[in-house]
Amino acid sequence: MRRKTYVSTQVFGKAGLFRKLRPVLSSLDMELTERCNNNCIHCCINLPSHDALARKRELSTEAVKKILREAVSLGCLSVRFTGGEPLLRGDFQELYLFARKLGLRVLVFTNATLITPGLVALWCRVPPLGDIEVTVYGMKKSSYEAVTRVPGSYEAAWRGIHLLLKNKIHFVVKGAFLPQNKDEMGAFEAWAAANVPQLDGPPAYSLYFDLRCRRDDAAKNRLIKSLRPSPEEGLRVLVRQKDKYVKGMQAFCSKFMRPSGEKLFSCGAGCGGCVDAYGVFQPCMMLRHPDCVYDLKKGNLRDALEGFFPKLRETKAANPEFLRRCARCFLKGLCEQCPAKAWMEYGTLDTPVAYLCGAAHEQARFLGLIGKKEKAWTVNDWQGRIDAFVKKGR
């Protein structure tokens, strides 16, 4: 008698069941507020902490929970709470616990000034499983508050950091490379190496600062531009550990550097996304162009991810300068040019950002990918150059 079998073997990635269960959304950014208790000179988004209109417009506790529930139903595994300063929300602890009870890993971006013993006790009892990321603006009161422009913020931030350290809460730190604190890089990195074991190297830095995401303050944009390092100075920061930088770039170049062509979106924007403080779903945290955002009050995450964003990702450039330069430039993976950057700088999606172009070319010359006066979009043998650069590290 022929024995019946109840098991069949299939290639995992081709199994129909796997296709049905494959996550639509693996992670989500949630901007709980645009308000911040600091007033940092370089910030691309902050509104005053006492801004009553912004507070009134923010999503309610229940609205945030509804979005988190849907995100989990779409396969989401982690959520990053950011802002502004997310700890300004009076319901932060409630939202945090709700997210963790849903099974989400929680990441938090904070300036640490509002970390309290009660919040630390909660994190001890219910660990976030993701990183708490603290931005440090200076090792001295004078430099720190020259950046934040808020008296007392230095003491408040370091009080919060010391609470994390004392209670052995997992967290990481990053810096912002600014004229007010750049002379303290060595002290900051030495402190981080001695006190933050979660870091596997020097802290990361915000370097080529973004302009205002909502294009709402021309004077602030002029200030931000004045704080940006030159391409040459930015390179010096990036290569302070030369061997590690070059090795990392060899691995990066082999995977990501190539001309993008006329398609605007060559990144992961729109595969996930960010919900802003008012319930608008964006393909990435920085892209607020009105043609690129989806109002969750009129729809849902699934419709945005399966209907709206895929069509958006097919958008092609029309700007002749973009097509002449960016579309043909093999430094695309190295350059930060993207629709979000063009939007912040010019109010368009496809205008080349000269500052970012200069920074990318400076790095490419250092790596030997282009000549001193060469422009990367004129290079035809770009694949051979990348292959030769990568081969040096083998």
Protein backbone atom coordinates (compact mmCIF):
# COMPACT_ATOMS: atom_id res chain seq x y z
CA MET A 1 0.00 0.00 0.00
CA ARG A 2 1.35 3.40 -0.94
CA ARG A 3 2.10 5.52 2.13
CA LYS A 4 0.53 8.98 2.16
CA THR A 5 2.77 11.94 2.82
CA TYR A 6 1.66 15.10 4.54
CA VAL A 7 4.87 17.05 4.11
CA SER A 8 6.33 18.66 1.02
CA THR A 9 9.62 20.51 0.71
CA GLN A 10 9.69 23.93 -0.90
CA VAL A 11 12.26 26.65 -1.40
CA PHE A 12 11.52 29.00 1.48
CA GLY A 13 11.55 32.26 -0.47
CA LYS A 14 9.18 30.81 -3.12
CA ALA A 15 6.65 29.28 -0.76
CA GLY A 16 3.19 30.76 -1.13
CA LEU A 17 2.72 30.91 2.62
CA PHE A 18 5.91 32.93 2.99
CA ARG A 19 4.74 35.38 0.34
CA LYS A 20 1.51 35.94 2.27
CA LEU A 21 3.29 36.41 5.59
CA ARG A 22 6.17 38.53 4.32
CA PRO A 23 6.20 41.82 6.28
CA VAL A 24 4.83 44.85 4.49
CA LEU A 25 6.49 47.11 7.07
CA SER A 26 9.54 45.98 9.03
CA SER A 27 10.09 49.18 11.01
CA LEU A 28 8.48 52.56 11.54
CA ASP A 29 9.61 56.02 12.63
CA MET A 30 7.11 57.97 14.73
CA GLU A 31 7.72 61.65 15.26
CA LEU A 32 5.71 62.19 18.43
CA THR A 33 6.16 65.98 18.44
CA GLU A 34 7.99 68.70 16.56
CA ARG A 35 8.40 70.64 19.80
CA CYS A 36 11.68 70.65 21.69
CA ASN A 37 12.88 72.08 24.99
CA ASN A 38 16.19 72.99 23.32
CA ASN A 39 16.64 75.55 20.56
CA CYS A 40 19.66 74.11 18.78
CA ILE A 41 21.31 76.37 16.24
CA HIS A 42 21.56 73.62 13.61
CA CYS A 43 18.19 71.88 14.02
CA CYS A 44 16.09 71.17 10.95
CA ILE A 45 12.74 70.65 12.65
CA ASN A 46 12.30 71.96 16.22
CA LEU A 47 9.43 74.15 17.37
CA PRO A 48 9.32 75.79 20.84
CA SER A 49 8.24 73.46 23.64
CA HIS A 50 5.44 75.87 24.58
CA ASP A 51 4.00 76.08 21.02
CA ALA A 52 0.30 75.64 21.87
CA LEU A 53 -0.85 75.35 18.25
CA ALA A 54 1.64 72.57 17.48
CA ARG A 55 0.67 70.74 20.65
CA LYS A 56 -3.02 70.98 19.80
CA ARG A 57 -2.44 69.53 16.31
CA GLU A 58 -0.39 66.55 17.55
CA LEU A 59 -1.85 63.07 17.31
CA SER A 60 -3.79 61.96 20.38
CA THR A 61 -2.65 59.05 22.50
CA GLU A 62 -5.31 56.82 20.97
CA ALA A 63 -4.43 57.88 17.43
CA VAL A 64 -0.77 56.92 18.00
CA LYS A 65 -1.86 53.57 19.44
CA LYS A 66 -4.07 52.90 16.43
CA ILE A 67 -1.14 53.47 14.08
CA LEU A 68 1.12 51.21 16.16
CA ARG A 69 -1.49 48.44 16.12
CA GLU A 70 -1.78 48.63 12.33
CA ALA A 71 2.01 48.70 11.97
CA VAL A 72 2.26 45.45 13.94
CA SER A 73 -0.48 43.88 11.80
CA LEU A 74 1.72 44.67 8.78
CA GLY A 75 4.70 42.82 10.24
CA CYS A 76 6.43 45.78 11.93
CA LEU A 77 9.09 44.67 14.41
CA SER A 78 10.44 47.99 15.70
CA VAL A 79 9.41 51.60 16.16
CA ARG A 80 11.64 54.62 16.64
CA PHE A 81 10.17 57.45 18.72
CA THR A 82 11.68 60.77 17.70
CA GLY A 83 10.82 64.43 17.44
CA GLY A 84 11.49 67.23 18.28
CA GLU A 85 12.02 65.85 21.75
CA PRO A 86 9.72 62.82 22.20
CA LEU A 87 9.98 62.92 26.01
CA LEU A 88 8.02 66.20 25.97
CA ARG A 89 4.88 64.16 25.39
CA GLY A 90 3.06 63.72 28.70
CA ASP A 91 1.90 60.30 27.49
CA PHE A 92 5.36 59.09 26.46
CA GLN A 93 5.56 56.36 29.09
CA GLU A 94 2.07 55.14 28.19
CA LEU A 95 2.95 54.98 24.50
CA TYR A 96 6.25 53.29 25.26
CA LEU A 97 4.58 50.55 27.32
CA PHE A 98 1.88 50.10 24.68
CA ALA A 99 4.51 49.61 21.97
CA ARG A 100 6.45 47.11 24.06
CA LYS A 101 3.27 45.16 24.91
CA LEU A 102 2.64 44.89 21.18
CA GLY A 103 6.03 43.17 20.98
CA LEU A 104 7.83 46.06 19.28
CA ARG A 105 11.47 46.89 19.83
CA VAL A 106 11.56 50.57 20.75
CA LEU A 107 14.29 53.01 19.79
CA VAL A 108 14.31 56.52 21.23
CA PHE A 109 16.09 59.63 19.96
CA THR A 110 16.47 62.12 22.82
CA ASN A 111 18.60 64.98 24.13
CA ALA A 112 18.44 63.31 27.59
CA THR A 113 17.41 66.50 29.42
CA LEU A 114 14.00 65.09 30.38
CA ILE A 115 15.16 61.65 31.55
CA THR A 116 13.93 61.11 35.10
CA PRO A 117 14.43 58.41 37.74
CA GLY A 118 10.87 57.25 37.03
CA LEU A 119 11.53 56.83 33.34
CA VAL A 120 14.78 54.99 34.01
CA ALA A 121 12.94 52.68 36.41
CA LEU A 122 10.48 51.90 33.62
CA TRP A 123 13.31 51.14 31.19
CA CYS A 124 14.92 48.88 33.81
CA ARG A 125 11.65 47.00 34.30
CA VAL A 126 10.66 46.89 30.63
CA PRO A 127 13.82 47.26 28.47
CA PRO A 128 13.32 48.93 25.10
CA LEU A 129 15.33 46.21 23.24
CA GLY A 130 16.39 48.93 20.81
CA ASP A 131 18.84 51.78 21.27
CA ILE A 132 18.25 54.92 23.26
CA GLU A 133 20.29 57.41 21.23
CA VAL A 134 21.47 60.58 22.95
CA THR A 135 22.94 63.51 21.07
CA VAL A 136 25.69 65.28 23.03
CA TYR A 137 26.26 68.91 22.06
CA GLY A 138 29.35 69.66 24.11
CA MET A 139 31.58 68.53 26.94
CA LYS A 140 31.54 71.97 28.56
CA LYS A 141 28.63 74.12 29.69
CA SER A 142 29.79 76.99 27.48
CA SER A 143 29.93 74.95 24.27
CA TYR A 144 26.83 72.89 25.03
CA GLU A 145 24.60 75.87 25.68
CA ALA A 146 26.08 77.84 22.78
CA VAL A 147 24.47 75.09 20.66
CA THR A 148 21.19 74.55 22.54
CA ARG A 149 20.66 78.23 23.50
CA VAL A 150 18.85 77.11 26.67
CA PRO A 151 20.31 77.92 30.10
CA GLY A 152 20.49 74.83 32.31
CA SER A 153 20.35 72.37 29.41
CA TYR A 154 23.94 71.23 30.00
CA GLU A 155 23.28 70.17 33.60
CA ALA A 156 19.94 68.59 32.65
CA ALA A 157 21.45 66.55 29.81
CA TRP A 158 24.36 65.20 31.82
CA ARG A 159 22.04 64.43 34.73
CA GLY A 160 19.99 62.29 32.34
CA ILE A 161 23.09 60.62 30.88
CA HIS A 162 24.40 59.80 34.36
CA LEU A 163 21.03 58.25 35.26
CA LEU A 164 21.37 55.95 32.25
CA LEU A 165 24.92 55.03 33.21
CA LYS A 166 24.13 54.47 36.87
CA ASN A 167 21.25 52.13 36.05
CA LYS A 168 23.11 50.33 33.25
CA ILE A 169 20.54 51.27 30.61
CA HIS A 170 21.69 50.37 27.09
CA PHE A 171 22.25 53.60 25.15
CA VAL A 172 24.51 55.10 22.50
CA VAL A 173 25.69 58.64 21.90
CA LYS A 174 26.34 60.75 18.83
CA GLY A 175 27.64 64.26 18.30
CA ALA A 176 27.02 67.26 16.08
CA PHE A 177 30.17 68.69 14.49
CA LEU A 178 29.76 72.43 15.03
CA PRO A 179 32.10 75.42 15.36
CA GLN A 180 31.03 75.70 19.01
CA ASN A 181 32.19 72.19 19.99
CA LYS A 182 34.52 70.84 17.31
CA ASP A 183 37.60 71.37 19.49
CA GLU A 184 36.10 68.90 21.99
CA MET A 185 35.95 65.89 19.66
CA GLY A 186 38.88 64.21 21.36
CA ALA A 187 37.42 64.68 24.85
CA PHE A 188 33.99 63.47 23.72
CA GLU A 189 35.37 60.37 22.03
CA ALA A 190 37.59 59.53 25.02
CA TRP A 191 34.64 59.87 27.38
CA ALA A 192 32.42 57.72 25.12
CA ALA A 193 35.09 55.00 24.82
CA ALA A 194 35.43 54.84 28.60
CA ASN A 195 31.74 55.03 29.51
CA VAL A 196 29.50 53.75 26.68
CA PRO A 197 30.36 50.08 26.02
CA GLN A 198 27.59 49.72 23.44
CA LEU A 199 29.62 51.77 20.95
CA ASP A 200 31.93 49.67 18.76
CA GLY A 201 33.97 52.68 17.69
CA PRO A 202 33.98 56.48 17.90
CA PRO A 203 30.56 58.15 18.08
CA ALA A 204 28.87 59.15 14.84
CA TYR A 205 28.46 62.83 14.05
CA SER A 206 25.88 64.92 12.27
CA LEU A 207 28.06 66.68 9.74
CA TYR A 208 26.43 68.00 6.56
CA PHE A 209 23.44 69.59 8.27
CA ASP A 210 19.97 69.48 6.74
CA LEU A 211 17.93 72.63 6.25
CA ARG A 212 14.45 73.06 7.67
CA CYS A 213 12.31 70.07 6.68
CA ARG A 214 9.20 72.20 6.32
CA ARG A 215 10.95 75.10 4.59
CA ASP A 216 9.44 77.37 7.25
CA ASP A 217 12.30 79.65 8.29
CA ALA A 218 14.63 81.33 5.79
CA ALA A 219 16.70 82.97 8.53
CA LYS A 220 17.23 79.64 10.28
CA ASN A 221 18.30 78.09 6.98
CA ARG A 222 20.92 80.80 6.51
CA LEU A 223 22.23 80.05 10.01
CA ILE A 224 22.39 76.30 9.32
CA LYS A 225 24.30 76.89 6.08
CA SER A 226 26.83 79.02 7.95
CA LEU A 227 27.49 76.14 10.37
CA ARG A 228 28.21 73.51 7.73
CA PRO A 229 31.83 72.39 7.40
CA SER A 230 33.53 72.86 4.05
CA PRO A 231 33.95 69.67 2.00
CA GLU A 232 37.64 69.68 2.98
CA GLU A 233 36.88 70.00 6.71
CA GLY A 234 34.16 67.37 6.48
CA LEU A 235 36.64 64.98 4.88
CA ARG A 236 39.10 65.52 7.72
CA VAL A 237 36.42 64.46 10.19
CA LEU A 238 35.52 61.36 8.18
CA VAL A 239 39.12 60.16 7.75
CA ARG A 240 40.39 60.74 11.28
CA GLN A 241 40.64 56.93 11.44
CA LYS A 242 41.95 56.56 7.92
CA ASP A 243 42.39 52.79 7.66
CA LYS A 244 38.95 52.06 9.09
CA TYR A 245 37.35 54.67 6.82
CA VAL A 246 39.00 53.32 3.67
CA LYS A 247 38.13 49.72 4.52
CA GLY A 248 34.52 50.66 5.16
CA MET A 249 34.33 52.57 1.90
CA GLN A 250 35.73 49.60 -0.04
CA ALA A 251 32.91 47.43 1.27
CA PHE A 252 30.37 50.20 0.65
CA CYS A 253 31.50 51.03 -2.87
CA SER A 254 31.33 47.41 -4.01
CA LYS A 255 27.64 47.26 -3.11
CA PHE A 256 26.12 50.67 -3.61
CA MET A 257 28.05 52.98 -5.94
CA ARG A 258 26.66 53.28 -9.45
CA PRO A 259 24.75 55.84 -11.53
CA SER A 260 21.11 56.09 -10.50
CA GLY A 261 19.70 57.02 -13.89
CA GLU A 262 16.62 59.17 -14.20
CA LYS A 263 14.73 57.57 -11.29
CA LEU A 264 14.65 59.87 -8.28
CA PHE A 265 14.35 57.25 -5.57
CA SER A 266 17.36 54.94 -5.47
CA CYS A 267 17.23 54.59 -1.67
CA GLY A 268 14.87 52.75 0.65
CA ALA A 269 12.46 55.68 1.05
CA GLY A 270 8.89 54.50 0.73
CA CYS A 271 9.67 50.90 1.64
CA GLY A 272 9.10 52.00 5.23
CA GLY A 273 8.40 55.49 6.40
CA CYS A 274 7.85 58.07 9.11
CA VAL A 275 4.59 59.23 10.65
CA ASP A 276 4.89 62.88 11.60
CA ALA A 277 3.42 64.45 14.71
CA TYR A 278 0.16 65.25 12.93
CA GLY A 279 -0.61 61.90 11.29
CA VAL A 280 1.03 62.41 7.91
CA PHE A 281 2.96 59.39 6.59
CA GLN A 282 6.15 60.29 4.74
CA PRO A 283 8.45 58.01 2.70
CA CYS A 284 11.33 59.18 4.91
CA MET A 285 11.77 61.46 7.90
CA MET A 286 13.00 64.44 5.90
CA LEU A 287 10.82 64.43 2.77
CA ARG A 288 7.82 66.73 3.32
CA HIS A 289 7.05 67.73 -0.26
CA PRO A 290 3.22 67.93 -0.50
CA ASP A 291 3.19 65.50 -3.46
CA CYS A 292 5.09 62.87 -1.45
CA VAL A 293 3.10 62.56 1.76
CA TYR A 294 0.03 60.55 2.71
CA ASP A 295 -2.58 61.69 5.25
CA LEU A 296 -3.41 58.79 7.57
CA LYS A 297 -6.61 60.57 8.62
CA LYS A 298 -7.91 59.76 5.14
CA GLY A 299 -6.38 56.31 4.75
CA ASN A 300 -4.10 53.78 6.39
CA LEU A 301 -0.54 52.48 6.43
CA ARG A 302 -1.27 49.53 4.15
CA ASP A 303 -2.75 51.68 1.43
CA ALA A 304 0.21 54.06 1.60
CA LEU A 305 2.77 51.23 1.48
CA GLU A 306 1.10 49.16 -1.21
CA GLY A 307 -0.57 51.85 -3.29
CA PHE A 308 0.84 55.34 -2.86
CA PHE A 309 4.55 54.87 -2.12
CA PRO A 310 5.30 52.34 -4.91
CA LYS A 311 3.96 54.78 -7.50
CA LEU A 312 5.95 57.59 -5.90
CA ARG A 313 9.15 55.54 -6.12
CA GLU A 314 8.74 55.37 -9.90
CA THR A 315 8.99 59.17 -10.20
CA LYS A 316 11.56 60.27 -12.77
CA ALA A 317 13.63 63.42 -12.85
CA ALA A 318 12.79 66.19 -15.30
CA ASN A 319 15.42 68.77 -14.35
CA PRO A 320 18.00 68.90 -17.21
CA GLU A 321 20.86 69.53 -14.76
CA PHE A 322 19.91 66.46 -12.73
CA LEU A 323 19.79 64.33 -15.88
CA ARG A 324 23.13 65.72 -17.09
CA ARG A 325 24.92 65.30 -13.77
CA CYS A 326 23.26 63.27 -11.01
CA ALA A 327 21.68 60.65 -13.27
CA ARG A 328 25.10 59.83 -14.74
CA CYS A 329 27.20 60.21 -11.59
CA PHE A 330 28.58 56.97 -10.13
CA LEU A 331 29.10 58.63 -6.72
CA LYS A 332 25.38 58.35 -6.05
CA GLY A 333 25.91 55.99 -3.13
CA LEU A 334 28.55 58.31 -1.70
CA CYS A 335 26.64 61.54 -2.32
CA GLU A 336 23.68 62.43 -0.08
CA GLN A 337 21.73 63.90 -3.01
CA CYS A 338 18.13 62.71 -2.85
CA PRO A 339 14.59 64.10 -3.27
CA ALA A 340 14.46 65.05 0.43
CA LYS A 341 17.67 67.08 0.20
CA ALA A 342 16.52 68.82 -2.98
CA TRP A 343 13.20 69.62 -1.32
CA MET A 344 14.86 71.19 1.73
CA GLU A 345 17.35 73.19 -0.34
CA TYR A 346 15.25 74.29 -3.30
CA GLY A 347 11.61 73.23 -2.87
CA THR A 348 11.88 70.72 -5.74
CA LEU A 349 12.61 67.00 -5.96
CA ASP A 350 15.27 66.95 -8.65
CA THR A 351 17.59 69.94 -8.29
CA PRO A 352 21.26 69.01 -7.71
CA VAL A 353 22.52 70.19 -4.30
CA ALA A 354 25.89 71.80 -4.97
CA TYR A 355 27.11 71.49 -1.37
CA LEU A 356 26.51 67.73 -1.28
CA CYS A 357 28.08 67.32 -4.70
CA GLY A 358 31.22 69.08 -3.49
CA ALA A 359 31.43 66.92 -0.36
CA ALA A 360 31.06 63.70 -2.36
CA HIS A 361 33.70 64.72 -4.89
CA GLU A 362 36.13 65.63 -2.11
CA GLN A 363 35.77 62.12 -0.64
CA ALA A 364 36.05 60.47 -4.06
CA ARG A 365 39.33 62.29 -4.78
CA PHE A 366 40.73 61.18 -1.44
CA LEU A 367 39.80 57.57 -2.28
CA GLY A 368 41.40 57.83 -5.72
CA LEU A 369 38.15 57.27 -7.60
CA ILE A 370 38.42 60.51 -9.60
CA GLY A 371 41.17 62.93 -10.58
CA LYS A 372 41.79 66.35 -9.08
CA LYS A 373 39.66 68.30 -11.54
CA GLU A 374 37.50 65.44 -12.80
CA LYS A 375 33.71 65.38 -12.43
CA ALA A 376 32.29 61.97 -11.66
CA TRP A 377 29.44 62.25 -14.17
CA THR A 378 31.97 62.43 -17.01
CA VAL A 379 33.61 59.11 -16.06
CA ASN A 380 32.79 56.20 -18.37
CA ASP A 381 34.98 53.51 -16.80
CA TRP A 382 33.47 53.96 -13.33
CA GLN A 383 32.97 50.23 -12.74
CA GLY A 384 36.64 49.54 -13.43
CA ARG A 385 37.67 52.26 -10.99
CA ILE A 386 35.45 50.86 -8.27
CA ASP A 387 36.74 47.33 -8.89
CA ALA A 388 40.35 48.55 -8.68
CA PHE A 389 39.66 50.45 -5.45
CA VAL A 390 37.93 47.49 -3.85
CA LYS A 391 40.69 45.11 -4.97
CA LYS A 392 43.28 47.15 -3.02
CA GLY A 393 41.69 45.97 0.20
CA ARG A 394 41.95 42.27 -0.59
